[in-house]
Amino acid sequence: MLSLFKNPKFYFVVLLILVIVTGVALFWVERQNEAKLAEVAAIEEIVFEHPQWSSDMILEGDNRIYRANSPGEQATIIERTPTSFTIKWDRWGTETFEKQENGHYKKK
């Protein structure tokens, strides 16, 4: 057994295994980071202007939106066009917001 530790090929094989395991681990971590970045990219911030408030809105997925500064105020997106959002608040009614020249959406 001691002769194994004196053989330079043994250390080469150990080093090779370490390089492969490290490479696989780094690849896996990078894939996880890419998945998280894709998840973050799916979240979109939009400014809504209402007569009683103005807030960044966080769009999650295809049909949910909430106020960034009041996460409890959430809504389901009923319709989204390039120029408007119609949403149904969980605690309020349905409202439509139209896109303005500044890119914000203002209550109709």
PDB file of N, CA and C in Angstrom:
ATOM      1  N   MET A   1       0.816  -1.186   0.000  1.00  0.00           N
ATOM      2  CA  MET A   1       0.000   0.000   0.000  1.00  0.00           C
ATOM      3  C   MET A   1       0.870   1.265   0.000  1.00  0.00           C
ATOM      4  N   LEU A   2       1.936   1.277   0.759  1.00  0.00           N
ATOM      5  CA  LEU A   2       2.807   2.446   0.802  1.00  0.00           C
ATOM      6  C   LEU A   2       3.456   2.722  -0.540  1.00  0.00           C
ATOM      7  N   SER A   3       3.673   1.696  -1.311  1.00  0.00           N
ATOM      8  CA  SER A   3       4.286   1.889  -2.627  1.00  0.00           C
ATOM      9  C   SER A   3       3.357   2.681  -3.553  1.00  0.00           C
ATOM     10  N   LEU A   4       2.048   2.589  -3.315  1.00  0.00           N
ATOM     11  CA  LEU A   4       1.078   3.342  -4.107  1.00  0.00           C
ATOM     12  C   LEU A   4       1.316   4.845  -3.951  1.00  0.00           C
ATOM     13  N   PHE A   5       1.610   5.295  -2.736  1.00  0.00           N
ATOM     14  CA  PHE A   5       1.832   6.710  -2.482  1.00  0.00           C
ATOM     15  C   PHE A   5       3.155   7.207  -3.058  1.00  0.00           C
ATOM     16  N   LYS A   6       4.049   6.300  -3.385  1.00  0.00           N
ATOM     17  CA  LYS A   6       5.330   6.692  -3.966  1.00  0.00           C
ATOM     18  C   LYS A   6       5.255   6.779  -5.490  1.00  0.00           C
ATOM     19  N   ASN A   7       4.178   6.305  -6.042  1.00  0.00           N
ATOM     20  CA  ASN A   7       4.019   6.275  -7.494  1.00  0.00           C
ATOM     21  C   ASN A   7       3.473   7.626  -7.980  1.00  0.00           C
ATOM     22  N   PRO A   8       4.171   8.345  -8.867  1.00  0.00           N
ATOM     23  CA  PRO A   8       3.708   9.639  -9.377  1.00  0.00           C
ATOM     24  C   PRO A   8       2.384   9.525 -10.141  1.00  0.00           C
ATOM     25  N   LYS A   9       2.109   8.368 -10.742  1.00  0.00           N
ATOM     26  CA  LYS A   9       0.852   8.179 -11.473  1.00  0.00           C
ATOM     27  C   LYS A   9      -0.343   8.271 -10.531  1.00  0.00           C
ATOM     28  N   PHE A  10      -0.166   7.822  -9.301  1.00  0.00           N
ATOM     29  CA  PHE A  10      -1.248   7.899  -8.313  1.00  0.00           C
ATOM     30  C   PHE A  10      -1.660   9.367  -8.105  1.00  0.00           C
ATOM     31  N   TYR A  11      -0.693  10.240  -7.927  1.00  0.00           N
ATOM     32  CA  TYR A  11      -0.988  11.654  -7.709  1.00  0.00           C
ATOM     33  C   TYR A  11      -1.578  12.302  -8.956  1.00  0.00           C
ATOM     34  N   PHE A  12      -1.136  11.855 -10.121  1.00  0.00           N
ATOM     35  CA  PHE A  12      -1.717  12.357 -11.363  1.00  0.00           C
ATOM     36  C   PHE A  12      -3.190  11.983 -11.444  1.00  0.00           C
ATOM     37  N   VAL A  13      -3.537  10.754 -11.121  1.00  0.00           N
ATOM     38  CA  VAL A  13      -4.935  10.290 -11.161  1.00  0.00           C
ATOM     39  C   VAL A  13      -5.772  11.052 -10.129  1.00  0.00           C
ATOM     40  N   VAL A  14      -5.223  11.233  -8.929  1.00  0.00           N
ATOM     41  CA  VAL A  14      -5.948  11.985  -7.899  1.00  0.00           C
ATOM     42  C   VAL A  14      -6.190  13.419  -8.364  1.00  0.00           C
ATOM     43  N   LEU A  15      -5.188  14.039  -8.929  1.00  0.00           N
ATOM     44  CA  LEU A  15      -5.318  15.405  -9.430  1.00  0.00           C
ATOM     45  C   LEU A  15      -6.348  15.474 -10.555  1.00  0.00           C
ATOM     46  N   LEU A  16      -6.312  14.533 -11.455  1.00  0.00           N
ATOM     47  CA  LEU A  16      -7.270  14.471 -12.553  1.00  0.00           C
ATOM     48  C   LEU A  16      -8.703  14.345 -12.024  1.00  0.00           C
ATOM     49  N   ILE A  17      -8.902  13.481 -11.049  1.00  0.00           N
ATOM     50  CA  ILE A  17     -10.231  13.315 -10.455  1.00  0.00           C
ATOM     51  C   ILE A  17     -10.689  14.621  -9.807  1.00  0.00           C
ATOM     52  N   LEU A  18      -9.796  15.288  -9.091  1.00  0.00           N
ATOM     53  CA  LEU A  18     -10.147  16.563  -8.456  1.00  0.00           C
ATOM     54  C   LEU A  18     -10.527  17.622  -9.490  1.00  0.00           C
ATOM     55  N   VAL A  19      -9.793  17.678 -10.582  1.00  0.00           N
ATOM     56  CA  VAL A  19     -10.095  18.647 -11.642  1.00  0.00           C
ATOM     57  C   VAL A  19     -11.467  18.356 -12.241  1.00  0.00           C
ATOM     58  N   ILE A  20     -11.775  17.103 -12.492  1.00  0.00           N
ATOM     59  CA  ILE A  20     -13.072  16.729 -13.076  1.00  0.00           C
ATOM     60  C   ILE A  20     -14.203  17.054 -12.109  1.00  0.00           C
ATOM     61  N   VAL A  21     -14.047  16.681 -10.841  1.00  0.00           N
ATOM     62  CA  VAL A  21     -15.100  16.948  -9.850  1.00  0.00           C
ATOM     63  C   VAL A  21     -15.311  18.454  -9.684  1.00  0.00           C
ATOM     64  N   THR A  22     -14.230  19.213  -9.649  1.00  0.00           N
ATOM     65  CA  THR A  22     -14.342  20.668  -9.533  1.00  0.00           C
ATOM     66  C   THR A  22     -15.047  21.254 -10.749  1.00  0.00           C
ATOM     67  N   GLY A  23     -14.699  20.783 -11.928  1.00  0.00           N
ATOM     68  CA  GLY A  23     -15.342  21.263 -13.155  1.00  0.00           C
ATOM     69  C   GLY A  23     -16.826  20.973 -13.170  1.00  0.00           C
ATOM     70  N   VAL A  24     -17.208  19.777 -12.762  1.00  0.00           N
ATOM     71  CA  VAL A  24     -18.627  19.413 -12.706  1.00  0.00           C
ATOM     72  C   VAL A  24     -19.351  20.299 -11.690  1.00  0.00           C
ATOM     73  N   ALA A  25     -18.737  20.520 -10.535  1.00  0.00           N
ATOM     74  CA  ALA A  25     -19.352  21.357  -9.509  1.00  0.00           C
ATOM     75  C   ALA A  25     -19.532  22.791 -10.009  1.00  0.00           C
ATOM     76  N   LEU A  26     -18.516  23.344 -10.667  1.00  0.00           N
ATOM     77  CA  LEU A  26     -18.616  24.706 -11.198  1.00  0.00           C
ATOM     78  C   LEU A  26     -19.684  24.796 -12.283  1.00  0.00           C
ATOM     79  N   PHE A  27     -19.774  23.792 -13.122  1.00  0.00           N
ATOM     80  CA  PHE A  27     -20.798  23.756 -14.164  1.00  0.00           C
ATOM     81  C   PHE A  27     -22.186  23.757 -13.534  1.00  0.00           C
ATOM     82  N   TRP A  28     -22.374  22.939 -12.500  1.00  0.00           N
ATOM     83  CA  TRP A  28     -23.669  22.846 -11.831  1.00  0.00           C
ATOM     84  C   TRP A  28     -24.033  24.188 -11.194  1.00  0.00           C
ATOM     85  N   VAL A  29     -23.081  24.848 -10.521  1.00  0.00           N
ATOM     86  CA  VAL A  29     -23.333  26.142  -9.894  1.00  0.00           C
ATOM     87  C   VAL A  29     -23.699  27.180 -10.955  1.00  0.00           C
ATOM     88  N   GLU A  30     -22.996  27.168 -12.067  1.00  0.00           N
ATOM     89  CA  GLU A  30     -23.286  28.116 -13.146  1.00  0.00           C
ATOM     90  C   GLU A  30     -24.689  27.901 -13.698  1.00  0.00           C
ATOM     91  N   ARG A  31     -25.101  26.675 -13.848  1.00  0.00           N
ATOM     92  CA  ARG A  31     -26.462  26.374 -14.333  1.00  0.00           C
ATOM     93  C   ARG A  31     -27.511  26.878 -13.349  1.00  0.00           C
ATOM     94  N   GLN A  32     -27.247  26.729 -12.052  1.00  0.00           N
ATOM     95  CA  GLN A  32     -28.166  27.232 -11.035  1.00  0.00           C
ATOM     96  C   GLN A  32     -28.256  28.746 -11.109  1.00  0.00           C
ATOM     97  N   ASN A  33     -27.119  29.413 -11.293  1.00  0.00           N
ATOM     98  CA  ASN A  33     -27.111  30.871 -11.415  1.00  0.00           C
ATOM     99  C   ASN A  33     -27.876  31.327 -12.648  1.00  0.00           C
ATOM    100  N   GLU A  34     -27.726  30.631 -13.755  1.00  0.00           N
ATOM    101  CA  GLU A  34     -28.460  30.970 -14.971  1.00  0.00           C
ATOM    102  C   GLU A  34     -29.953  30.829 -14.751  1.00  0.00           C
ATOM    103  N   ALA A  35     -30.363  29.780 -14.043  1.00  0.00           N
ATOM    104  CA  ALA A  35     -31.785  29.571 -13.764  1.00  0.00           C
ATOM    105  C   ALA A  35     -32.331  30.704 -12.899  1.00  0.00           C
ATOM    106  N   LYS A  36     -31.550  31.146 -11.924  1.00  0.00           N
ATOM    107  CA  LYS A  36     -31.994  32.246 -11.059  1.00  0.00           C
ATOM    108  C   LYS A  36     -32.076  33.547 -11.841  1.00  0.00           C
ATOM    109  N   LEU A  37     -31.115  33.791 -12.734  1.00  0.00           N
ATOM    110  CA  LEU A  37     -31.152  34.995 -13.552  1.00  0.00           C
ATOM    111  C   LEU A  37     -32.365  34.995 -14.474  1.00  0.00           C
ATOM    112  N   ALA A  38     -32.691  33.846 -15.027  1.00  0.00           N
ATOM    113  CA  ALA A  38     -33.872  33.742 -15.885  1.00  0.00           C
ATOM    114  C   ALA A  38     -35.130  34.022 -15.076  1.00  0.00           C
ATOM    115  N   GLU A  39     -35.150  33.557 -13.851  1.00  0.00           N
ATOM    116  CA  GLU A  39     -36.294  33.786 -12.966  1.00  0.00           C
ATOM    117  C   GLU A  39     -36.435  35.271 -12.663  1.00  0.00           C
ATOM    118  N   VAL A  40     -35.343  35.939 -12.379  1.00  0.00           N
ATOM    119  CA  VAL A  40     -35.367  37.369 -12.090  1.00  0.00           C
ATOM    120  C   VAL A  40     -35.776  38.149 -13.332  1.00  0.00           C
ATOM    121  N   ALA A  41     -35.302  37.731 -14.494  1.00  0.00           N
ATOM    122  CA  ALA A  41     -35.648  38.413 -15.734  1.00  0.00           C
ATOM    123  C   ALA A  41     -37.131  38.310 -16.033  1.00  0.00           C
ATOM    124  N   ALA A  42     -37.788  37.281 -15.507  1.00  0.00           N
ATOM    125  CA  ALA A  42     -39.215  37.104 -15.733  1.00  0.00           C
ATOM    126  C   ALA A  42     -40.035  38.095 -14.920  1.00  0.00           C
ATOM    127  N   ILE A  43     -39.424  38.717 -13.924  1.00  0.00           N
ATOM    128  CA  ILE A  43     -40.108  39.719 -13.117  1.00  0.00           C
ATOM    129  C   ILE A  43     -39.870  41.079 -13.759  1.00  0.00           C
ATOM    130  N   GLU A  44     -40.947  41.791 -14.002  1.00  0.00           N
ATOM    131  CA  GLU A  44     -40.880  43.060 -14.711  1.00  0.00           C
ATOM    132  C   GLU A  44     -41.444  44.155 -13.806  1.00  0.00           C
ATOM    133  N   GLU A  45     -40.797  45.309 -13.775  1.00  0.00           N
ATOM    134  CA  GLU A  45     -41.302  46.442 -13.007  1.00  0.00           C
ATOM    135  C   GLU A  45     -41.937  47.455 -13.943  1.00  0.00           C
ATOM    136  N   ILE A  46     -43.135  47.904 -13.564  1.00  0.00           N
ATOM    137  CA  ILE A  46     -43.885  48.860 -14.362  1.00  0.00           C
ATOM    138  C   ILE A  46     -44.433  49.920 -13.412  1.00  0.00           C
ATOM    139  N   VAL A  47     -44.425  51.184 -13.808  1.00  0.00           N
ATOM    140  CA  VAL A  47     -44.963  52.248 -12.960  1.00  0.00           C
ATOM    141  C   VAL A  47     -46.436  52.464 -13.300  1.00  0.00           C
ATOM    142  N   PHE A  48     -47.276  52.392 -12.280  1.00  0.00           N
ATOM    143  CA  PHE A  48     -48.700  52.687 -12.413  1.00  0.00           C
ATOM    144  C   PHE A  48     -48.985  53.986 -11.674  1.00  0.00           C
ATOM    145  N   GLU A  49     -49.802  54.828 -12.288  1.00  0.00           N
ATOM    146  CA  GLU A  49     -50.234  56.078 -11.660  1.00  0.00           C
ATOM    147  C   GLU A  49     -51.744  56.015 -11.480  1.00  0.00           C
ATOM    148  N   HIS A  50     -52.158  56.162 -10.246  1.00  0.00           N
ATOM    149  CA  HIS A  50     -53.562  56.104  -9.855  1.00  0.00           C
ATOM    150  C   HIS A  50     -53.880  57.469  -9.242  1.00  0.00           C
ATOM    151  N   PRO A  51     -55.109  57.946  -9.268  1.00  0.00           N
ATOM    152  CA  PRO A  51     -55.409  59.242  -8.644  1.00  0.00           C
ATOM    153  C   PRO A  51     -55.024  59.301  -7.157  1.00  0.00           C
ATOM    154  N   GLN A  52     -55.007  58.161  -6.474  1.00  0.00           N
ATOM    155  CA  GLN A  52     -54.720  58.147  -5.041  1.00  0.00           C
ATOM    156  C   GLN A  52     -53.309  57.676  -4.710  1.00  0.00           C
ATOM    157  N   TRP A  53     -52.559  57.187  -5.695  1.00  0.00           N
ATOM    158  CA  TRP A  53     -51.208  56.699  -5.429  1.00  0.00           C
ATOM    159  C   TRP A  53     -50.433  56.541  -6.739  1.00  0.00           C
ATOM    160  N   SER A  54     -49.135  56.392  -6.606  1.00  0.00           N
ATOM    161  CA  SER A  54     -48.261  56.060  -7.733  1.00  0.00           C
ATOM    162  C   SER A  54     -47.264  55.042  -7.202  1.00  0.00           C
ATOM    163  N   SER A  55     -47.021  53.988  -7.973  1.00  0.00           N
ATOM    164  CA  SER A  55     -46.178  52.914  -7.446  1.00  0.00           C
ATOM    165  C   SER A  55     -45.550  52.104  -8.570  1.00  0.00           C
ATOM    166  N   ASP A  56     -44.358  51.579  -8.270  1.00  0.00           N
ATOM    167  CA  ASP A  56     -43.809  50.542  -9.141  1.00  0.00           C
ATOM    168  C   ASP A  56     -44.667  49.313  -8.934  1.00  0.00           C
ATOM    169  N   MET A  57     -44.978  48.652 -10.014  1.00  0.00           N
ATOM    170  CA  MET A  57     -45.745  47.414  -9.954  1.00  0.00           C
ATOM    171  C   MET A  57     -44.821  46.284 -10.371  1.00  0.00           C
ATOM    172  N   ILE A  58     -44.926  45.178  -9.702  1.00  0.00           N
ATOM    173  CA  ILE A  58     -44.112  44.017 -10.017  1.00  0.00           C
ATOM    174  C   ILE A  58     -44.998  43.010 -10.733  1.00  0.00           C
ATOM    175  N   LEU A  59     -44.615  42.683 -11.951  1.00  0.00           N
ATOM    176  CA  LEU A  59     -45.340  41.708 -12.747  1.00  0.00           C
ATOM    177  C   LEU A  59     -44.671  40.358 -12.561  1.00  0.00           C
ATOM    178  N   GLU A  60     -45.433  39.393 -12.088  1.00  0.00           N
ATOM    179  CA  GLU A  60     -44.900  38.040 -11.889  1.00  0.00           C
ATOM    180  C   GLU A  60     -45.661  37.076 -12.783  1.00  0.00           C
ATOM    181  N   GLY A  61     -44.911  36.400 -13.610  1.00  0.00           N
ATOM    182  CA  GLY A  61     -45.548  35.448 -14.502  1.00  0.00           C
ATOM    183  C   GLY A  61     -46.414  36.156 -15.525  1.00  0.00           C
ATOM    184  N   ASP A  62     -47.436  35.454 -15.982  1.00  0.00           N
ATOM    185  CA  ASP A  62     -48.285  35.990 -17.036  1.00  0.00           C
ATOM    186  C   ASP A  62     -49.511  36.732 -16.524  1.00  0.00           C
ATOM    187  N   ASN A  63     -49.911  36.469 -15.262  1.00  0.00           N
ATOM    188  CA  ASN A  63     -51.198  37.036 -14.874  1.00  0.00           C
ATOM    189  C   ASN A  63     -51.282  37.612 -13.464  1.00  0.00           C
ATOM    190  N   ARG A  64     -50.158  37.816 -12.779  1.00  0.00           N
ATOM    191  CA  ARG A  64     -50.205  38.393 -11.433  1.00  0.00           C
ATOM    192  C   ARG A  64     -49.355  39.654 -11.387  1.00  0.00           C
ATOM    193  N   ILE A  65     -49.823  40.633 -10.603  1.00  0.00           N
ATOM    194  CA  ILE A  65     -49.133  41.899 -10.458  1.00  0.00           C
ATOM    195  C   ILE A  65     -49.379  42.403  -9.041  1.00  0.00           C
ATOM    196  N   TYR A  66     -48.389  43.099  -8.470  1.00  0.00           N
ATOM    197  CA  TYR A  66     -48.589  43.681  -7.149  1.00  0.00           C
ATOM    198  C   TYR A  66     -47.779  44.954  -7.008  1.00  0.00           C
ATOM    199  N   ARG A  67     -48.198  45.782  -6.031  1.00  0.00           N
ATOM    200  CA  ARG A  67     -47.496  47.042  -5.773  1.00  0.00           C
ATOM    201  C   ARG A  67     -46.201  46.746  -5.033  1.00  0.00           C
ATOM    202  N   ALA A  68     -45.094  47.311  -5.516  1.00  0.00           N
ATOM    203  CA  ALA A  68     -43.786  47.060  -4.917  1.00  0.00           C
ATOM    204  C   ALA A  68     -43.723  47.550  -3.479  1.00  0.00           C
ATOM    205  N   ASN A  69     -44.339  48.701  -3.203  1.00  0.00           N
ATOM    206  CA  ASN A  69     -44.277  49.256  -1.850  1.00  0.00           C
ATOM    207  C   ASN A  69     -45.415  48.773  -0.955  1.00  0.00           C
ATOM    208  N   SER A  70     -46.334  47.982  -1.495  1.00  0.00           N
ATOM    209  CA  SER A  70     -47.436  47.375  -0.723  1.00  0.00           C
ATOM    210  C   SER A  70     -47.708  45.984  -1.281  1.00  0.00           C
ATOM    211  N   PRO A  71     -46.828  45.011  -1.000  1.00  0.00           N
ATOM    212  CA  PRO A  71     -46.960  43.682  -1.609  1.00  0.00           C
ATOM    213  C   PRO A  71     -48.301  42.991  -1.341  1.00  0.00           C
ATOM    214  N   GLY A  72     -49.030  43.444  -0.314  1.00  0.00           N
ATOM    215  CA  GLY A  72     -50.344  42.856  -0.037  1.00  0.00           C
ATOM    216  C   GLY A  72     -51.395  43.287  -1.037  1.00  0.00           C
ATOM    217  N   GLU A  73     -51.135  44.346  -1.780  1.00  0.00           N
ATOM    218  CA  GLU A  73     -52.089  44.818  -2.786  1.00  0.00           C
ATOM    219  C   GLU A  73     -51.759  44.146  -4.113  1.00  0.00           C
ATOM    220  N   GLN A  74     -52.438  43.041  -4.353  1.00  0.00           N
ATOM    221  CA  GLN A  74     -52.176  42.206  -5.523  1.00  0.00           C
ATOM    222  C   GLN A  74     -53.394  42.157  -6.431  1.00  0.00           C
ATOM    223  N   ALA A  75     -53.121  41.821  -7.685  1.00  0.00           N
ATOM    224  CA  ALA A  75     -54.198  41.768  -8.662  1.00  0.00           C
ATOM    225  C   ALA A  75     -53.918  40.684  -9.704  1.00  0.00           C
ATOM    226  N   THR A  76     -54.989  40.286 -10.359  1.00  0.00           N
ATOM    227  CA  THR A  76     -54.899  39.376 -11.502  1.00  0.00           C
ATOM    228  C   THR A  76     -55.023  40.219 -12.763  1.00  0.00           C
ATOM    229  N   ILE A  77     -54.161  39.960 -13.722  1.00  0.00           N
ATOM    230  CA  ILE A  77     -54.224  40.691 -14.989  1.00  0.00           C
ATOM    231  C   ILE A  77     -55.322  40.058 -15.839  1.00  0.00           C
ATOM    232  N   ILE A  78     -56.342  40.846 -16.116  1.00  0.00           N
ATOM    233  CA  ILE A  78     -57.462  40.381 -16.943  1.00  0.00           C
ATOM    234  C   ILE A  78     -57.085  40.457 -18.422  1.00  0.00           C
ATOM    235  N   GLU A  79     -56.478  41.595 -18.786  1.00  0.00           N
ATOM    236  CA  GLU A  79     -56.064  41.796 -20.188  1.00  0.00           C
ATOM    237  C   GLU A  79     -54.834  42.691 -20.208  1.00  0.00           C
ATOM    238  N   ARG A  80     -53.890  42.327 -21.060  1.00  0.00           N
ATOM    239  CA  ARG A  80     -52.698  43.156 -21.262  1.00  0.00           C
ATOM    240  C   ARG A  80     -52.497  43.332 -22.752  1.00  0.00           C
ATOM    241  N   THR A  81     -52.448  44.589 -23.169  1.00  0.00           N
ATOM    242  CA  THR A  81     -52.156  44.912 -24.565  1.00  0.00           C
ATOM    243  C   THR A  81     -50.878  45.749 -24.564  1.00  0.00           C
ATOM    244  N   PRO A  82     -50.345  46.054 -25.726  1.00  0.00           N
ATOM    245  CA  PRO A  82     -49.151  46.908 -25.756  1.00  0.00           C
ATOM    246  C   PRO A  82     -49.388  48.298 -25.156  1.00  0.00           C
ATOM    247  N   THR A  83     -50.660  48.719 -25.049  1.00  0.00           N
ATOM    248  CA  THR A  83     -50.943  50.072 -24.558  1.00  0.00           C
ATOM    249  C   THR A  83     -51.783  50.115 -23.288  1.00  0.00           C
ATOM    250  N   SER A  84     -52.154  48.970 -22.718  1.00  0.00           N
ATOM    251  CA  SER A  84     -52.981  49.030 -21.511  1.00  0.00           C
ATOM    252  C   SER A  84     -52.904  47.745 -20.688  1.00  0.00           C
ATOM    253  N   PHE A  85     -53.298  47.896 -19.434  1.00  0.00           N
ATOM    254  CA  PHE A  85     -53.478  46.781 -18.505  1.00  0.00           C
ATOM    255  C   PHE A  85     -54.879  46.895 -17.931  1.00  0.00           C
ATOM    256  N   THR A  86     -55.599  45.807 -17.901  1.00  0.00           N
ATOM    257  CA  THR A  86     -56.843  45.737 -17.140  1.00  0.00           C
ATOM    258  C   THR A  86     -56.605  44.696 -16.061  1.00  0.00           C
ATOM    259  N   ILE A  87     -56.752  45.144 -14.806  1.00  0.00           N
ATOM    260  CA  ILE A  87     -56.459  44.252 -13.682  1.00  0.00           C
ATOM    261  C   ILE A  87     -57.654  44.178 -12.735  1.00  0.00           C
ATOM    262  N   LYS A  88     -57.761  43.042 -12.057  1.00  0.00           N
ATOM    263  CA  LYS A  88     -58.779  42.867 -11.005  1.00  0.00           C
ATOM    264  C   LYS A  88     -58.038  42.688  -9.699  1.00  0.00           C
ATOM    265  N   TRP A  89     -58.169  43.703  -8.838  1.00  0.00           N
ATOM    266  CA  TRP A  89     -57.526  43.657  -7.538  1.00  0.00           C
ATOM    267  C   TRP A  89     -58.138  42.562  -6.684  1.00  0.00           C
ATOM    268  N   ASP A  90     -57.318  41.932  -5.847  1.00  0.00           N
ATOM    269  CA  ASP A  90     -57.830  40.911  -4.934  1.00  0.00           C
ATOM    270  C   ASP A  90     -58.802  41.520  -3.920  1.00  0.00           C
ATOM    271  N   ARG A  91     -58.526  42.775  -3.507  1.00  0.00           N
ATOM    272  CA  ARG A  91     -59.370  43.421  -2.489  1.00  0.00           C
ATOM    273  C   ARG A  91     -60.191  44.590  -3.030  1.00  0.00           C
ATOM    274  N   TRP A  92     -60.023  44.923  -4.276  1.00  0.00           N
ATOM    275  CA  TRP A  92     -60.720  46.058  -4.855  1.00  0.00           C
ATOM    276  C   TRP A  92     -61.404  45.594  -6.133  1.00  0.00           C
ATOM    277  N   GLY A  93     -61.812  46.527  -6.935  1.00  0.00           N
ATOM    278  CA  GLY A  93     -62.495  46.184  -8.178  1.00  0.00           C
ATOM    279  C   GLY A  93     -61.531  46.030  -9.346  1.00  0.00           C
ATOM    280  N   THR A  94     -62.111  46.154 -10.532  1.00  0.00           N
ATOM    281  CA  THR A  94     -61.354  46.047 -11.777  1.00  0.00           C
ATOM    282  C   THR A  94     -61.017  47.451 -12.258  1.00  0.00           C
ATOM    283  N   GLU A  95     -59.777  47.640 -12.718  1.00  0.00           N
ATOM    284  CA  GLU A  95     -59.339  48.940 -13.221  1.00  0.00           C
ATOM    285  C   GLU A  95     -58.503  48.748 -14.482  1.00  0.00           C
ATOM    286  N   THR A  96     -58.548  49.764 -15.332  1.00  0.00           N
ATOM    287  CA  THR A  96     -57.735  49.761 -16.545  1.00  0.00           C
ATOM    288  C   THR A  96     -56.736  50.918 -16.464  1.00  0.00           C
ATOM    289  N   PHE A  97     -55.502  50.613 -16.828  1.00  0.00           N
ATOM    290  CA  PHE A  97     -54.428  51.601 -16.848  1.00  0.00           C
ATOM    291  C   PHE A  97     -53.895  51.676 -18.272  1.00  0.00           C
ATOM    292  N   GLU A  98     -53.801  52.910 -18.796  1.00  0.00           N
ATOM    293  CA  GLU A  98     -53.333  53.110 -20.169  1.00  0.00           C
ATOM    294  C   GLU A  98     -51.917  53.659 -20.177  1.00  0.00           C
ATOM    295  N   LYS A  99     -51.138  53.218 -21.145  1.00  0.00           N
ATOM    296  CA  LYS A  99     -49.739  53.629 -21.261  1.00  0.00           C
ATOM    297  C   LYS A  99     -49.650  55.083 -21.706  1.00  0.00           C
ATOM    298  N   GLN A 100     -48.782  55.829 -21.025  1.00  0.00           N
ATOM    299  CA  GLN A 100     -48.546  57.238 -21.324  1.00  0.00           C
ATOM    300  C   GLN A 100     -47.253  57.377 -22.129  1.00  0.00           C
ATOM    301  N   GLU A 101     -46.983  58.577 -22.608  1.00  0.00           N
ATOM    302  CA  GLU A 101     -45.769  58.823 -23.376  1.00  0.00           C
ATOM    303  C   GLU A 101     -44.505  58.558 -22.570  1.00  0.00           C
ATOM    304  N   ASN A 102     -44.566  58.756 -21.249  1.00  0.00           N
ATOM    305  CA  ASN A 102     -43.384  58.552 -20.394  1.00  0.00           C
ATOM    306  C   ASN A 102     -43.173  57.071 -20.040  1.00  0.00           C
ATOM    307  N   GLY A 103     -44.049  56.211 -20.562  1.00  0.00           N
ATOM    308  CA  GLY A 103     -43.927  54.776 -20.319  1.00  0.00           C
ATOM    309  C   GLY A 103     -44.690  54.290 -19.095  1.00  0.00           C
ATOM    310  N   HIS A 104     -45.193  55.216 -18.283  1.00  0.00           N
ATOM    311  CA  HIS A 104     -45.994  54.852 -17.124  1.00  0.00           C
ATOM    312  C   HIS A 104     -47.409  54.497 -17.563  1.00  0.00           C
ATOM    313  N   TYR A 105     -48.123  53.784 -16.708  1.00  0.00           N
ATOM    314  CA  TYR A 105     -49.500  53.432 -16.981  1.00  0.00           C
ATOM    315  C   TYR A 105     -50.392  54.219 -16.031  1.00  0.00           C
ATOM    316  N   LYS A 106     -51.355  54.969 -16.597  1.00  0.00           N
ATOM    317  CA  LYS A 106     -52.222  55.829 -15.809  1.00  0.00           C
ATOM    318  C   LYS A 106     -53.645  55.281 -15.817  1.00  0.00           C
ATOM    319  N   LYS A 107     -54.302  55.372 -14.624  1.00  0.00           N
ATOM    320  CA  LYS A 107     -55.675  54.865 -14.527  1.00  0.00           C
ATOM    321  C   LYS A 107     -56.560  55.610 -15.505  1.00  0.00           C
ATOM    322  N   LYS A 108     -57.335  54.859 -16.221  1.00  0.00           N
ATOM    323  CA  LYS A 108     -58.234  55.389 -17.255  1.00  0.00           C
ATOM    324  C   LYS A 108     -59.406  56.109 -16.627  1.00  0.00           C
TER     325      LYS A 108
END
